[in-house]
């Protein structure tokens, strides 16, 4: 299940986080935003901090790998 984070400006990517990723602490999560050329990942506790960007192909291969861990 995915849910949208707080309200964002139109120029900002729309960030989502899994409702399954929290261990009871709402801030304990990563967030994901998709764009036409990349998938962006950030730490929800530090939304203004560093972000990772993956190509769509790399993300498609990464998700099943991470789910199996």
C-alpha atoms as a PDB file:
ATOM      1  CA  UNK A   1       0.000   0.000   0.000  1.00  0.00           C
ATOM      2  CA  UNK A   2       1.288   3.449  -0.900  1.00  0.00           C
ATOM      3  CA  UNK A   3       0.306   6.809   0.486  1.00  0.00           C
ATOM      4  CA  UNK A   4       1.134  10.361  -0.462  1.00  0.00           C
ATOM      5  CA  UNK A   5       3.174  12.465   1.912  1.00  0.00           C
ATOM      6  CA  UNK A   6       2.376  16.065   2.872  1.00  0.00           C
ATOM      7  CA  UNK A   7       1.146  18.616   0.345  1.00  0.00           C
ATOM      8  CA  UNK A   8       3.773  19.595  -2.203  1.00  0.00           C
ATOM      9  CA  UNK A   9       4.197  22.298  -4.829  1.00  0.00           C
ATOM     10  CA  UNK A  10       3.514  21.388  -8.466  1.00  0.00           C
ATOM     11  CA  UNK A  11       7.233  21.602  -9.297  1.00  0.00           C
ATOM     12  CA  UNK A  12       8.147  19.111  -6.557  1.00  0.00           C
ATOM     13  CA  UNK A  13       7.996  15.377  -7.184  1.00  0.00           C
ATOM     14  CA  UNK A  14       5.142  13.529  -5.490  1.00  0.00           C
ATOM     15  CA  UNK A  15       6.712  11.439  -2.731  1.00  0.00           C
ATOM     16  CA  UNK A  16       5.196   8.172  -1.532  1.00  0.00           C
ATOM     17  CA  UNK A  17       6.051   5.777   1.235  1.00  0.00           C
ATOM     18  CA  UNK A  18       4.856   2.289   1.961  1.00  0.00           C
ATOM     19  CA  UNK A  19       2.505   1.900   4.881  1.00  0.00           C
ATOM     20  CA  UNK A  20       4.434  -1.302   5.679  1.00  0.00           C
ATOM     21  CA  UNK A  21       7.802   0.407   6.109  1.00  0.00           C
ATOM     22  CA  UNK A  22       7.199   1.952   9.522  1.00  0.00           C
ATOM     23  CA  UNK A  23       7.863   0.034  12.722  1.00  0.00           C
ATOM     24  CA  UNK A  24       5.490   2.221  14.693  1.00  0.00           C
ATOM     25  CA  UNK A  25       7.533   5.396  14.196  1.00  0.00           C
ATOM     26  CA  UNK A  26       5.934   7.338  11.333  1.00  0.00           C
ATOM     27  CA  UNK A  27       9.245   9.041  10.531  1.00  0.00           C
ATOM     28  CA  UNK A  28      11.136   5.751  10.133  1.00  0.00           C
ATOM     29  CA  UNK A  29      10.816   5.276   6.394  1.00  0.00           C
ATOM     30  CA  UNK A  30      12.156   5.885   2.936  1.00  0.00           C
ATOM     31  CA  UNK A  31      10.071   7.704   0.351  1.00  0.00           C
ATOM     32  CA  UNK A  32       9.950   7.236  -3.416  1.00  0.00           C
ATOM     33  CA  UNK A  33       9.023   9.635  -6.220  1.00  0.00           C
ATOM     34  CA  UNK A  34       8.781   8.616  -9.859  1.00  0.00           C
ATOM     35  CA  UNK A  35       9.724  10.793 -12.810  1.00  0.00           C
ATOM     36  CA  UNK A  36       9.773   9.992 -16.538  1.00  0.00           C
ATOM     37  CA  UNK A  37      13.528   9.332 -16.508  1.00  0.00           C
ATOM     38  CA  UNK A  38      14.217   8.178 -12.919  1.00  0.00           C
ATOM     39  CA  UNK A  39      12.961   6.918  -9.589  1.00  0.00           C
ATOM     40  CA  UNK A  40      14.062   9.108  -6.669  1.00  0.00           C
ATOM     41  CA  UNK A  41      14.546   7.852  -3.094  1.00  0.00           C
ATOM     42  CA  UNK A  42      14.987   9.872   0.106  1.00  0.00           C
ATOM     43  CA  UNK A  43      14.958   9.434   3.889  1.00  0.00           C
ATOM     44  CA  UNK A  44      11.602  10.604   5.243  1.00  0.00           C
ATOM     45  CA  UNK A  45      13.281  11.900   8.411  1.00  0.00           C
ATOM     46  CA  UNK A  46      15.436  14.246   6.313  1.00  0.00           C
ATOM     47  CA  UNK A  47      13.285  15.271   3.357  1.00  0.00           C
ATOM     48  CA  UNK A  48      15.664  18.102   2.405  1.00  0.00           C
ATOM     49  CA  UNK A  49      18.734  15.867   2.595  1.00  0.00           C
ATOM     50  CA  UNK A  50      20.468  13.747  -0.012  1.00  0.00           C
ATOM     51  CA  UNK A  51      18.466  11.778  -2.545  1.00  0.00           C
ATOM     52  CA  UNK A  52      19.271   8.793  -4.694  1.00  0.00           C
ATOM     53  CA  UNK A  53      18.150   8.492  -8.306  1.00  0.00           C
ATOM     54  CA  UNK A  54      17.768   5.186 -10.130  1.00  0.00           C
ATOM     55  CA  UNK A  55      16.978   4.559 -13.764  1.00  0.00           C
ATOM     56  CA  UNK A  56      13.601   2.896 -14.220  1.00  0.00           C
ATOM     57  CA  UNK A  57      15.338  -0.296 -15.346  1.00  0.00           C
ATOM     58  CA  UNK A  58      17.607  -0.376 -12.283  1.00  0.00           C
ATOM     59  CA  UNK A  59      14.646   0.219  -9.957  1.00  0.00           C
ATOM     60  CA  UNK A  60      12.647  -2.555 -11.639  1.00  0.00           C
ATOM     61  CA  UNK A  61      15.504  -4.987 -10.957  1.00  0.00           C
ATOM     62  CA  UNK A  62      16.156  -3.693  -7.414  1.00  0.00           C
ATOM     63  CA  UNK A  63      12.620  -4.000  -5.981  1.00  0.00           C
ATOM     64  CA  UNK A  64      12.290  -7.805  -6.277  1.00  0.00           C
ATOM     65  CA  UNK A  65      15.836  -8.200  -4.911  1.00  0.00           C
ATOM     66  CA  UNK A  66      15.067  -6.022  -1.867  1.00  0.00           C
ATOM     67  CA  UNK A  67      11.708  -7.714  -1.290  1.00  0.00           C
ATOM     68  CA  UNK A  68      13.495 -11.050  -1.000  1.00  0.00           C
ATOM     69  CA  UNK A  69      15.771  -9.789   1.805  1.00  0.00           C
END
